[in-house]
Protein backbone atom coordinates (compact mmCIF):
# COMPACT_ATOMS: atom_id res chain seq x y z
CA UNK A 1 14.96 -18.77 -28.73
CA UNK A 2 11.52 -21.07 -27.89
CA UNK A 3 8.64 -21.19 -30.60
CA UNK A 4 7.34 -19.45 -27.59
CA UNK A 5 9.22 -16.71 -26.93
CA UNK A 6 7.09 -14.53 -23.79
CA UNK A 7 6.23 -15.15 -20.78
CA UNK A 8 3.99 -14.66 -17.30
CA UNK A 9 5.24 -15.55 -13.94
CA UNK A 10 2.11 -17.60 -12.42
CA UNK A 11 4.20 -18.05 -9.36
CA UNK A 12 7.59 -18.22 -7.39
CA UNK A 13 9.77 -19.58 -10.26
CA UNK A 14 7.17 -20.12 -12.55
CA UNK A 15 6.29 -19.19 -16.17
CA UNK A 16 3.62 -19.61 -18.18
CA UNK A 17 4.84 -19.23 -21.71
CA UNK A 18 3.07 -17.98 -25.25
CA UNK A 19 3.69 -16.28 -28.27
CA UNK A 20 2.19 -13.18 -29.88
CA UNK A 21 -0.12 -13.17 -33.34
CA UNK A 22 2.08 -12.67 -35.90
CA UNK A 23 0.81 -8.81 -36.77
CA UNK A 24 1.74 -7.63 -32.90
CA UNK A 25 4.59 -6.16 -32.24
CA UNK A 26 6.10 -6.12 -28.68
CA UNK A 27 7.60 -2.20 -27.76
CA UNK A 28 7.73 -3.77 -24.06
CA UNK A 29 8.70 -7.45 -22.79
CA UNK A 30 9.67 -6.27 -19.22
CA UNK A 31 12.37 -8.93 -18.15
CA UNK A 32 14.82 -8.65 -15.58
CA UNK A 33 18.58 -10.45 -15.42
CA UNK A 34 17.84 -14.10 -13.84
CA UNK A 35 21.64 -14.67 -14.22
CA UNK A 36 22.41 -11.90 -11.44
CA UNK A 37 22.86 -14.24 -8.16
CA UNK A 38 21.30 -13.00 -5.12
CA UNK A 39 22.71 -13.92 -2.14
CA UNK A 40 20.80 -16.05 0.78
CA UNK A 41 17.79 -13.92 3.19
CA UNK A 42 19.91 -14.62 6.01
CA UNK A 43 22.72 -12.72 4.44
CA UNK A 44 20.77 -10.41 3.35
CA UNK A 45 19.29 -10.17 6.92
CA UNK A 46 22.28 -9.83 8.60
CA UNK A 47 23.79 -7.33 5.86
CA UNK A 48 20.67 -5.49 7.35
CA UNK A 49 21.44 -5.36 10.56
CA UNK A 50 24.94 -4.77 10.65
CA UNK A 51 25.05 -1.69 8.42
CA UNK A 52 21.95 0.27 9.25
CA UNK A 53 20.83 3.09 7.54
CA UNK A 54 19.81 6.41 9.55
CA UNK A 55 19.92 4.62 13.06
CA UNK A 56 22.10 2.87 15.45
CA UNK A 57 22.48 -0.62 15.39
CA UNK A 58 20.10 -2.90 16.70
CA UNK A 59 21.81 -4.11 19.48
CA UNK A 60 22.53 -0.20 20.36
CA UNK A 61 18.54 0.17 20.36
CA UNK A 62 17.87 -2.55 22.84
CA UNK A 63 19.24 -0.70 26.36
CA UNK A 64 16.84 -0.33 28.57
CA UNK A 65 14.61 -2.11 26.53
CA UNK A 66 11.86 -4.74 28.31
CA UNK A 67 9.59 -5.73 25.67
CA UNK A 68 9.71 -5.99 21.55
CA UNK A 69 7.14 -5.80 19.43
CA UNK A 70 7.94 -7.09 15.89
CA UNK A 71 5.13 -5.97 13.40
CA UNK A 72 5.66 -8.08 9.90
CA UNK A 73 3.04 -7.94 7.07
CA UNK A 74 0.45 -10.77 6.36
CA UNK A 75 0.23 -13.55 3.55
CA UNK A 76 -1.08 -11.31 1.08
CA UNK A 77 2.81 -9.73 0.47
CA UNK A 78 5.97 -11.71 -0.77
CA UNK A 79 7.64 -10.90 2.25
CA UNK A 80 9.85 -13.90 3.82
CA UNK A 81 8.76 -13.28 7.22
CA UNK A 82 10.04 -16.51 8.58
CA UNK A 83 12.92 -16.65 7.07
CA UNK A 84 14.39 -12.92 8.68
CA UNK A 85 12.83 -14.16 11.47
CA UNK A 86 14.97 -17.37 12.16
CA UNK A 87 18.10 -14.92 12.13
CA UNK A 88 16.70 -12.03 14.05
CA UNK A 89 14.97 -13.97 17.22
CA UNK A 90 18.74 -15.41 17.80
CA UNK A 91 20.23 -12.20 17.49
CA UNK A 92 17.68 -10.82 20.00
CA UNK A 93 18.30 -13.79 22.35
CA UNK A 94 21.76 -13.23 22.41
CA UNK A 95 21.61 -9.55 23.99
CA UNK A 96 19.25 -11.60 26.54
CA UNK A 97 16.08 -11.30 25.14
CA UNK A 98 13.88 -14.24 26.32
CA UNK A 99 10.49 -14.98 24.01
CA UNK A 100 8.62 -13.73 26.75
CA UNK A 101 9.57 -10.28 25.82
CA UNK A 102 8.82 -10.27 22.47
CA UNK A 103 5.79 -10.03 20.44
CA UNK A 104 5.00 -10.77 16.53
CA UNK A 105 2.33 -8.34 15.70
CA UNK A 106 0.66 -9.17 12.08
CA UNK A 107 -0.21 -5.76 10.69
CA UNK A 108 -3.67 -7.01 9.18
CA UNK A 109 -4.79 -3.03 8.81
CA UNK A 110 -8.56 -4.64 7.96
CA UNK A 111 -7.64 -7.67 6.02
CA UNK A 112 -9.02 -10.79 7.25
CA UNK A 113 -6.96 -12.83 9.70
CA UNK A 114 -5.27 -15.90 8.34
CA UNK A 115 -5.72 -19.03 9.73
CA UNK A 116 -3.29 -21.19 11.62
CA UNK A 117 -1.63 -23.07 9.01
CA UNK A 118 -1.14 -19.77 7.32
CA UNK A 119 -0.07 -18.12 10.03
CA UNK A 120 2.36 -20.71 10.63
CA UNK A 121 3.72 -20.54 7.15
CA UNK A 122 4.07 -16.56 7.34
CA UNK A 123 6.39 -16.30 10.77
CA UNK A 124 7.83 -20.53 10.89
CA UNK A 125 5.65 -23.28 12.81
CA UNK A 126 8.53 -22.79 16.06
CA UNK A 127 7.55 -19.37 16.68
CA UNK A 128 3.90 -19.58 15.88
CA UNK A 129 3.98 -22.11 18.66
CA UNK A 130 6.81 -20.35 21.50
CA UNK A 131 6.38 -16.95 20.80
CA UNK A 132 3.50 -14.38 21.69
CA UNK A 133 1.90 -13.89 17.92
CA UNK A 134 -0.87 -11.57 17.95
CA UNK A 135 -3.06 -10.66 14.69
CA UNK A 136 -4.34 -7.00 14.43
CA UNK A 137 -7.86 -6.94 14.81
CA UNK A 138 -9.07 -2.97 13.70
CA UNK A 139 -12.36 -3.02 15.64
CA UNK A 140 -11.23 -4.48 19.10
CA UNK A 141 -12.19 -2.72 21.85
CA UNK A 142 -8.76 -1.75 23.86
CA UNK A 143 -6.82 -0.34 21.08
CA UNK A 144 -4.58 2.21 22.49
CA UNK A 145 -4.92 5.97 22.00
CA UNK A 146 -2.01 7.96 20.12
CA UNK A 147 -3.12 12.26 20.12
CA UNK A 148 -0.58 12.83 16.55
CA UNK A 149 0.98 16.36 16.23
CA UNK A 150 -0.47 19.58 14.78
CA UNK A 151 -5.00 19.69 15.83
CA UNK A 152 -4.99 17.49 18.28
CA UNK A 153 -6.54 14.18 15.84
CA UNK A 154 -5.94 10.35 17.91
CA UNK A 155 -5.27 7.37 16.39
CA UNK A 156 -6.46 4.01 18.47
CA UNK A 157 -2.83 1.08 17.53
CA UNK A 158 -2.66 -2.23 19.09
CA UNK A 159 -2.24 -2.50 22.57
CA UNK A 160 0.97 -4.85 21.59
CA UNK A 161 2.60 -2.19 19.85
CA UNK A 162 1.71 0.33 22.28
CA UNK A 163 3.29 -1.21 25.10
CA UNK A 164 6.22 -2.18 23.48
CA UNK A 165 9.40 -0.38 23.96
CA UNK A 166 11.28 -1.08 20.68
CA UNK A 167 9.40 -2.06 18.08
CA UNK A 168 10.73 -3.31 14.99
CA UNK A 169 9.01 -3.70 11.61
CA UNK A 170 9.49 -6.51 8.54
CA UNK A 171 7.52 -5.37 5.01
CA UNK A 172 8.04 -5.39 1.38
CA UNK A 173 8.23 -2.11 -0.34
CA UNK A 174 6.12 -2.92 -3.79
CA UNK A 175 5.05 -0.24 -6.01
CA UNK A 176 1.49 0.63 -4.62
CA UNK A 177 -1.44 2.27 -6.67
CA UNK A 178 -2.65 4.40 -3.63
CA UNK A 179 0.60 4.91 -1.26
CA UNK A 180 3.05 4.90 -4.57
CA UNK A 181 5.34 2.12 -2.63
CA UNK A 182 3.54 0.03 -0.09
CA UNK A 183 5.80 -1.29 3.10
CA UNK A 184 8.04 0.83 5.70
CA UNK A 185 5.24 3.22 7.04
CA UNK A 186 2.19 1.49 5.85
CA UNK A 187 2.93 -1.47 8.42
CA UNK A 188 2.12 0.98 10.98
CA UNK A 189 -0.73 2.84 8.87
CA UNK A 190 -2.85 0.89 8.09
CA UNK A 191 -1.21 -2.03 9.72
CA UNK A 192 -1.68 -1.43 13.51
CA UNK A 193 -4.36 1.01 13.32
CA UNK A 194 -8.27 1.85 14.27
CA UNK A 195 -10.74 0.66 12.04
CA UNK A 196 -12.17 4.50 11.68
CA UNK A 197 -9.22 6.27 11.22
CA UNK A 198 -7.67 3.41 8.28
CA UNK A 199 -11.08 4.32 6.68
CA UNK A 200 -11.44 8.50 7.09
CA UNK A 201 -7.61 8.40 5.76
CA UNK A 202 -8.02 5.51 2.98
CA UNK A 203 -11.58 7.22 1.43
CA UNK A 204 -10.33 10.68 1.89
CA UNK A 205 -6.76 10.29 -0.25
CA UNK A 206 -7.68 7.28 -2.22
CA UNK A 207 -8.72 9.40 -5.60
CA UNK A 208 -6.66 12.67 -5.08
CA UNK A 209 -4.42 13.04 -8.29
CA UNK A 210 -1.03 12.40 -6.57
CA UNK A 211 -2.19 9.17 -4.93
CA UNK A 212 -0.80 6.48 -7.92
CA UNK A 213 1.42 3.91 -7.83
CA UNK A 214 5.21 5.15 -7.95
CA UNK A 215 4.80 8.49 -5.96
CA UNK A 216 5.91 9.69 -2.68
CA UNK A 217 6.73 13.50 -2.95
CA UNK A 218 3.07 14.94 -2.90
CA UNK A 219 0.89 12.05 -2.15
CA UNK A 220 -1.19 12.82 0.63
CA UNK A 221 -2.21 9.17 0.65
CA UNK A 222 1.83 8.29 1.50
CA UNK A 223 2.11 11.08 3.56
CA UNK A 224 -0.72 10.39 6.10
CA UNK A 225 0.95 6.86 6.69
CA UNK A 226 4.09 8.72 7.22
CA UNK A 227 2.68 10.69 9.58
CA UNK A 228 0.98 8.08 11.93
CA UNK A 229 4.19 5.94 11.78
CA UNK A 230 6.17 8.66 12.71
CA UNK A 231 3.71 9.33 16.21
CA UNK A 232 3.58 5.86 17.20
CA UNK A 233 7.73 5.21 16.71
CA UNK A 234 8.75 2.50 14.34
CA UNK A 235 12.65 2.46 15.83
CA UNK A 236 14.15 -0.16 13.34
CA UNK A 237 12.80 -1.23 10.02
CA UNK A 238 13.35 -4.36 7.41
CA UNK A 239 12.49 -2.98 4.24
CA UNK A 240 12.83 -5.76 1.34
CA UNK A 241 13.33 -5.27 -2.41
CA UNK A 242 12.40 -7.38 -5.79
CA UNK A 243 13.35 -7.75 -9.35
CA UNK A 244 11.10 -8.65 -11.82
CA UNK A 245 10.90 -12.14 -10.78
CA UNK A 246 10.02 -11.63 -7.28
CA UNK A 247 13.29 -12.53 -5.56
CA UNK A 248 14.12 -10.24 -2.82
CA UNK A 249 18.12 -8.91 -4.49
CA UNK A 250 18.53 -6.68 -0.84
CA UNK A 251 16.92 -6.09 2.22
CA UNK A 252 17.69 -2.47 3.41
CA UNK A 253 17.31 -1.76 7.75
CA UNK A 254 17.26 0.95 9.30
CA UNK A 255 15.53 4.14 10.52
CA UNK A 256 11.64 4.60 9.60
CA UNK A 257 12.54 7.28 7.21
CA UNK A 258 15.70 6.98 6.08
CA UNK A 259 15.46 2.91 5.10
CA UNK A 260 12.13 2.92 3.19
CA UNK A 261 13.28 6.19 1.38
CA UNK A 262 16.68 4.35 0.54
CA UNK A 263 14.37 1.08 -0.53
CA UNK A 264 12.27 2.92 -2.91
CA UNK A 265 15.27 4.66 -4.78
CA UNK A 266 16.24 0.52 -5.05
CA UNK A 267 12.96 -0.44 -5.63
CA UNK A 268 12.37 2.26 -8.78
CA UNK A 269 15.87 1.15 -10.04
CA UNK A 270 14.95 -1.82 -10.07
CA UNK A 271 11.30 -2.13 -11.35
CA UNK A 272 11.00 1.35 -13.22
CA UNK A 273 10.63 1.05 -16.88
CA UNK A 274 10.15 3.76 -19.30
CA UNK A 275 7.22 4.07 -21.90
CA UNK A 276 7.36 6.84 -24.65
CA UNK A 277 3.81 5.87 -25.75
CA UNK A 278 0.78 3.96 -24.85
CA UNK A 279 0.32 0.51 -26.19
CA UNK A 280 -2.85 -1.20 -27.55
CA UNK A 281 -2.70 -4.18 -25.92
CA UNK A 282 -0.88 -5.11 -22.33
CA UNK A 283 -0.54 -8.76 -21.27
CA UNK A 284 0.14 -9.12 -17.77
CA UNK A 285 -0.05 -11.56 -14.95
CA UNK A 286 -1.09 -10.08 -11.27
CA UNK A 287 1.75 -11.55 -9.37
CA UNK A 288 2.72 -11.29 -6.84
CA UNK A 289 -0.81 -10.79 -5.43
CA UNK A 290 -2.64 -12.94 -5.74
CA UNK A 291 -4.85 -13.43 -2.79
CA UNK A 292 -8.22 -13.05 -3.93
CA UNK A 293 -9.08 -9.29 -4.44
CA UNK A 294 -5.14 -7.83 -4.00
CA UNK A 295 -5.27 -9.48 -8.06
CA UNK A 296 -6.58 -5.89 -8.95
CA UNK A 297 -3.17 -4.58 -7.06
CA UNK A 298 -2.07 -5.73 -10.48
CA UNK A 299 -4.24 -3.50 -12.63
CA UNK A 300 -2.13 -0.09 -11.80
CA UNK A 301 0.67 -0.46 -14.28
CA UNK A 302 -1.53 -1.78 -17.27
CA UNK A 303 -4.24 1.05 -16.93
CA UNK A 304 -1.50 3.71 -17.06
CA UNK A 305 0.27 2.53 -19.90
CA UNK A 306 -2.60 1.38 -22.24
CA UNK A 307 -4.85 3.12 -24.24
CA UNK A 308 -8.08 3.73 -23.84
CA UNK A 309 -9.49 2.05 -26.89
CA UNK A 310 -7.45 -0.81 -26.29
CA UNK A 311 -7.19 -4.00 -24.02
CA UNK A 312 -5.71 -5.94 -21.07
CA UNK A 313 -5.03 -9.54 -20.56
CA UNK A 314 -5.25 -9.89 -17.18
CA UNK A 315 -3.70 -13.36 -15.96
CA UNK A 316 -4.74 -13.98 -12.08
CA UNK A 317 -2.94 -17.09 -10.30
CA UNK A 318 -4.67 -16.50 -7.46
CA UNK A 319 -4.17 -18.97 -4.65
CA UNK A 320 -6.97 -17.81 -2.35
CA UNK A 321 -10.16 -17.32 -3.44
CA UNK A 322 -12.00 -13.83 -4.14
CA UNK A 323 -14.80 -13.42 -0.62
CA UNK A 324 -17.91 -14.37 -1.40
CA UNK A 325 -18.48 -11.24 0.18
CA UNK A 326 -16.61 -8.79 -2.16
CA UNK A 327 -18.62 -10.67 -5.08
CA UNK A 328 -22.37 -9.78 -3.08
CA UNK A 329 -20.93 -6.42 -2.46
CA UNK A 330 -20.77 -5.38 -6.23
CA UNK A 331 -24.66 -6.31 -6.26
CA UNK A 332 -25.07 -4.14 -3.19
CA UNK A 333 -23.59 -0.91 -4.61
CA UNK A 334 -25.27 -1.57 -8.23
CA UNK A 335 -28.44 -1.65 -5.86
CA UNK A 336 -27.67 1.97 -3.94
CA UNK A 337 -26.64 3.62 -7.05
CA UNK A 338 -29.68 2.26 -9.18
CA UNK A 339 -27.09 1.19 -11.82
CA UNK A 340 -25.13 4.41 -11.93
CA UNK A 341 -22.21 2.80 -9.88
CA UNK A 342 -19.31 4.79 -10.84
CA UNK A 343 -20.78 7.72 -9.99
CA UNK A 344 -22.03 6.94 -6.91
CA UNK A 345 -18.63 5.73 -5.62
CA UNK A 346 -16.97 8.92 -7.03
CA UNK A 347 -19.37 11.01 -5.42
CA UNK A 348 -19.13 9.32 -1.82
CA UNK A 349 -14.70 9.70 -2.13
CA UNK A 350 -15.21 13.00 -3.05
CA UNK A 351 -16.72 13.35 0.48
CA UNK A 352 -14.20 11.27 2.36
CA UNK A 353 -16.72 8.47 2.93
CA UNK A 354 -16.89 5.23 2.26
CA UNK A 355 -19.47 3.48 0.06
CA UNK A 356 -18.96 0.31 1.59
CA UNK A 357 -19.30 1.34 5.10
CA UNK A 358 -19.70 -1.56 7.09
CA UNK A 359 -17.58 -3.60 4.96
CA UNK A 360 -13.68 -4.11 5.18
CA UNK A 361 -11.32 -1.50 3.76
CA UNK A 362 -9.80 -3.39 1.53
CA UNK A 363 -13.27 -4.23 0.10
CA UNK A 364 -13.73 -0.77 -0.60
CA UNK A 365 -10.33 0.19 -2.15
CA UNK A 366 -9.98 -2.51 -4.84
CA UNK A 367 -14.01 -1.47 -5.72
CA UNK A 368 -12.68 1.73 -6.13
CA UNK A 369 -10.04 0.60 -8.82
CA UNK A 370 -13.42 -1.20 -10.34
CA UNK A 371 -15.30 1.62 -10.73
CA UNK A 372 -13.15 4.57 -11.52
CA UNK A 373 -10.56 3.06 -13.33
CA UNK A 374 -10.14 3.74 -17.18
CA UNK A 375 -12.84 2.10 -19.39
CA UNK A 376 -10.10 -0.41 -20.83
CA UNK A 377 -12.04 -3.62 -22.06
CA UNK A 378 -10.16 -6.45 -19.28
CA UNK A 379 -9.99 -10.08 -20.47
CA UNK A 380 -9.40 -12.09 -16.89
CA UNK A 381 -7.60 -15.53 -17.46
CA UNK A 382 -7.70 -17.52 -13.88
CA UNK A 383 -8.23 -21.02 -12.76
CA UNK A 384 -9.28 -19.90 -9.84
CA UNK A 385 -11.91 -17.61 -10.86
CA UNK A 386 -15.64 -18.42 -13.09
CA UNK A 387 -16.64 -16.70 -15.79
CA UNK A 388 -19.27 -15.97 -13.65
CA UNK A 389 -17.61 -13.79 -10.51
CA UNK A 390 -15.01 -12.67 -13.69
CA UNK A 391 -18.07 -10.71 -14.82
CA UNK A 392 -19.50 -9.29 -11.40
CA UNK A 393 -15.95 -7.65 -10.92
CA UNK A 394 -16.38 -6.10 -14.70
CA UNK A 395 -13.81 -8.05 -16.58
CA UNK A 396 -14.77 -10.35 -19.46
CA UNK A 397 -13.39 -14.28 -19.38
CA UNK A 398 -11.35 -16.35 -20.69
CA UNK A 399 -10.16 -20.21 -20.16
CA UNK A 400 -6.83 -19.71 -20.97
CA UNK A 401 -3.79 -17.48 -22.03
CA UNK A 402 -4.10 -18.47 -25.63
CA UNK A 403 -8.02 -18.18 -25.95
CA UNK A 404 -7.79 -15.11 -24.56
CA UNK A 405 -4.94 -14.12 -27.31
CA UNK A 406 -7.37 -15.15 -29.94
CA UNK A 407 -10.27 -13.48 -28.85
CA UNK A 408 -8.08 -10.09 -28.78
CA UNK A 409 -6.65 -10.48 -32.19
CA UNK A 410 -9.74 -10.54 -33.70
CA UNK A 411 -10.13 -7.05 -32.47
CA UNK A 412 -7.11 -5.63 -32.74
CA UNK A 413 -5.23 -7.59 -35.96
CA UNK A 414 -2.37 -5.22 -35.41
CA UNK A 415 -1.25 -3.75 -32.29
CA UNK A 416 1.35 -2.15 -30.10
CA UNK A 417 1.53 -4.65 -27.01
CA UNK A 418 3.53 -4.42 -23.64
CA UNK A 419 4.40 -7.20 -21.42
CA UNK A 420 4.59 -7.62 -17.75
CA UNK A 421 5.93 -10.85 -16.37
CA UNK A 422 4.69 -9.68 -13.13
CA UNK A 423 2.63 -6.81 -13.22
CA UNK A 424 2.75 -5.91 -9.55
CA UNK A 425 6.49 -5.18 -10.05
CA UNK A 426 6.82 -2.64 -12.27
CA UNK A 427 6.85 1.21 -12.05
CA UNK A 428 5.92 3.26 -15.55
CA UNK A 429 7.89 6.00 -15.95
CA UNK A 430 5.57 7.37 -18.55
CA UNK A 431 6.49 10.81 -20.88
CA UNK A 432 2.92 12.04 -20.48
CA UNK A 433 0.64 13.02 -17.55
CA UNK A 434 -0.35 10.66 -15.53
């Protein structure tokens, strides 16, 4: 073994190695078997199309279809959208669908729109230049109302999605702090829905005790997303499942419900890890959550398995900066709450209200993590985030992983330790109540 025995992922295929203090005991080093070869994205896409779960073959769904919407997630997810489209679009062309009848819809939810270069990287330069590619705007005026079953509630959705005769989704099935797992139904809700509906749903369920990573049964956050997705209709779903290295190991195609359920089972099998007790220190990377304030999703698993009196060393290899507006919003909450932010946020959410009503919903969600998570000491390591920015977000700061380890060794000369090479790709299976 190398002198430095442990590592964190700081990018796709990129590792940062380190060693532990002498008296620290590593109870968990959550690795994956990197020696297992994985098929190409092309092969997995063809497999997903040829063996659908819970639905006919995609080609059998194409008659009498006129217009197709292909709904994809945005660059905050690791989905190999461009590679999948390289296979999917020629398949549709072979069945008589010219590009004039196909629209690619980027399911932004309330995320910021992607710039041209990022959009080309997401869907492929050729697709971006020769197909109609639309980025969803949750506040646009021509969203189309869809009535939900039961009590007459109405959600408004993307007109391109509403007008399509056939809707195909491409997404990643990843642990999600509130929805249990992201992807699948979330492509529709919040992906292509109106701002007000997203806000009301998220704020109502974000603090529900069953709204947590790895849980779908009895999770009202997930169930609310699924209800809208069923009402809108996602006719064929492509679900990417990952291992701990961030590699796609399988793409599962089929119906909204059954393909997603199968993908969740595979995700749980590959990313689930048992814990008999909490640890003193968790060392983790936020990977694959590397876009600005998405890094907070990397805290979901460490918060579950770390003692309240313990500490988390959080390495954040972000490739997009923390938005300035997000940082300024911390001061806004502090001022509104008269420096009692946690109580202010909890009170707003208990009433189903956004505590930052004029800001994007993902700002509210990320900040709810900051203000309502356990008071576990957390040291942030990032070359792209300053000490001042880290402190604004409630973290201590370290300029390097090694410095962070030295700081924690002083406070915890002996410690039981968990190491998550990719903190966004783990589902803790705990022996205690979560």
